[in-house]
Amino acid sequence: MLGWAVTFLVIALIAAVLGFGGVAGTAMEAAKIICFVAVALFLISAVMGAVRGRAPRL
């Protein structure tokens, strides 16, 4: 998922350099949203893993 955020960031940077402000803004917003979703999913997964715990394998 972070790969998608980096892809949109690169698209935004290239569009900004070429002067396409609307495309750059849209791609930057998409990159931010995807990045926040990825971080939120990671934190939820980390908390659930810590709360649930893992049974030791013998």
C-alpha atoms as a PDB file:
ATOM      1  CA  MET A   1       0.000   0.000   0.000  1.00  0.00           C
ATOM      2  CA  LEU A   2       2.872   2.341   0.678  1.00  0.00           C
ATOM      3  CA  GLY A   3       4.046   1.580  -2.843  1.00  0.00           C
ATOM      4  CA  TRP A   4       0.868   3.197  -4.162  1.00  0.00           C
ATOM      5  CA  ALA A   5       1.480   6.265  -1.989  1.00  0.00           C
ATOM      6  CA  VAL A   6       5.012   6.606  -3.358  1.00  0.00           C
ATOM      7  CA  THR A   7       3.689   6.186  -6.914  1.00  0.00           C
ATOM      8  CA  PHE A   8       1.167   8.990  -6.452  1.00  0.00           C
ATOM      9  CA  LEU A   9       3.853  11.153  -4.858  1.00  0.00           C
ATOM     10  CA  VAL A  10       6.125  10.688  -7.856  1.00  0.00           C
ATOM     11  CA  ILE A  11       3.244  11.464 -10.226  1.00  0.00           C
ATOM     12  CA  ALA A  12       2.502  14.616  -8.232  1.00  0.00           C
ATOM     13  CA  LEU A  13       6.127  15.756  -8.339  1.00  0.00           C
ATOM     14  CA  ILE A  14       6.421  15.175 -12.084  1.00  0.00           C
ATOM     15  CA  ALA A  15       3.114  16.939 -12.741  1.00  0.00           C
ATOM     16  CA  ALA A  16       4.199  19.885 -10.598  1.00  0.00           C
ATOM     17  CA  VAL A  17       7.483  20.220 -12.478  1.00  0.00           C
ATOM     18  CA  LEU A  18       5.624  20.122 -15.797  1.00  0.00           C
ATOM     19  CA  GLY A  19       3.123  22.749 -14.625  1.00  0.00           C
ATOM     20  CA  PHE A  20      -0.007  20.645 -14.224  1.00  0.00           C
ATOM     21  CA  GLY A  21      -1.167  22.067 -10.901  1.00  0.00           C
ATOM     22  CA  GLY A  22      -4.554  20.352 -10.804  1.00  0.00           C
ATOM     23  CA  VAL A  23      -3.136  16.915 -11.485  1.00  0.00           C
ATOM     24  CA  ALA A  24      -0.321  17.510  -9.002  1.00  0.00           C
ATOM     25  CA  GLY A  25      -2.745  18.545  -6.262  1.00  0.00           C
ATOM     26  CA  THR A  26      -5.023  15.583  -6.858  1.00  0.00           C
ATOM     27  CA  ALA A  27      -2.159  13.106  -6.894  1.00  0.00           C
ATOM     28  CA  MET A  28      -0.687  14.620  -3.723  1.00  0.00           C
ATOM     29  CA  GLU A  29      -4.017  14.328  -1.906  1.00  0.00           C
ATOM     30  CA  ALA A  30      -4.364  10.711  -3.027  1.00  0.00           C
ATOM     31  CA  ALA A  31      -0.837   9.979  -1.802  1.00  0.00           C
ATOM     32  CA  LYS A  32      -1.578  11.525   1.590  1.00  0.00           C
ATOM     33  CA  ILE A  33      -4.836   9.615   2.011  1.00  0.00           C
ATOM     34  CA  ILE A  34      -3.271   6.297   1.040  1.00  0.00           C
ATOM     35  CA  CYS A  35      -0.321   6.920   3.365  1.00  0.00           C
ATOM     36  CA  PHE A  36      -2.610   7.716   6.312  1.00  0.00           C
ATOM     37  CA  VAL A  37      -4.704   4.612   5.620  1.00  0.00           C
ATOM     38  CA  ALA A  38      -1.562   2.459   5.510  1.00  0.00           C
ATOM     39  CA  VAL A  39      -0.293   3.879   8.804  1.00  0.00           C
ATOM     40  CA  ALA A  40      -3.711   3.428  10.436  1.00  0.00           C
ATOM     41  CA  LEU A  41      -3.925  -0.201   9.282  1.00  0.00           C
ATOM     42  CA  PHE A  42      -0.412  -0.858  10.564  1.00  0.00           C
ATOM     43  CA  LEU A  43      -1.236   0.613  13.979  1.00  0.00           C
ATOM     44  CA  ILE A  44      -4.479  -1.355  14.233  1.00  0.00           C
ATOM     45  CA  SER A  45      -2.627  -4.542  13.294  1.00  0.00           C
ATOM     46  CA  ALA A  46       0.128  -3.845  15.823  1.00  0.00           C
ATOM     47  CA  VAL A  47      -2.335  -3.161  18.645  1.00  0.00           C
ATOM     48  CA  MET A  48      -4.427  -6.223  17.843  1.00  0.00           C
ATOM     49  CA  GLY A  49      -1.315  -8.393  17.739  1.00  0.00           C
ATOM     50  CA  ALA A  50      -0.140  -7.041  21.091  1.00  0.00           C
ATOM     51  CA  VAL A  51      -3.546  -7.449  22.748  1.00  0.00           C
ATOM     52  CA  ARG A  52      -4.236 -10.907  21.370  1.00  0.00           C
ATOM     53  CA  GLY A  53      -0.729 -12.156  21.934  1.00  0.00           C
ATOM     54  CA  ARG A  54       0.780 -15.265  20.472  1.00  0.00           C
ATOM     55  CA  ALA A  55       0.907 -18.694  22.072  1.00  0.00           C
ATOM     56  CA  PRO A  56       4.465 -19.974  22.274  1.00  0.00           C
ATOM     57  CA  ARG A  57       5.208 -22.865  19.945  1.00  0.00           C
ATOM     58  CA  LEU A  58       6.684 -25.954  21.537  1.00  0.00           C
END
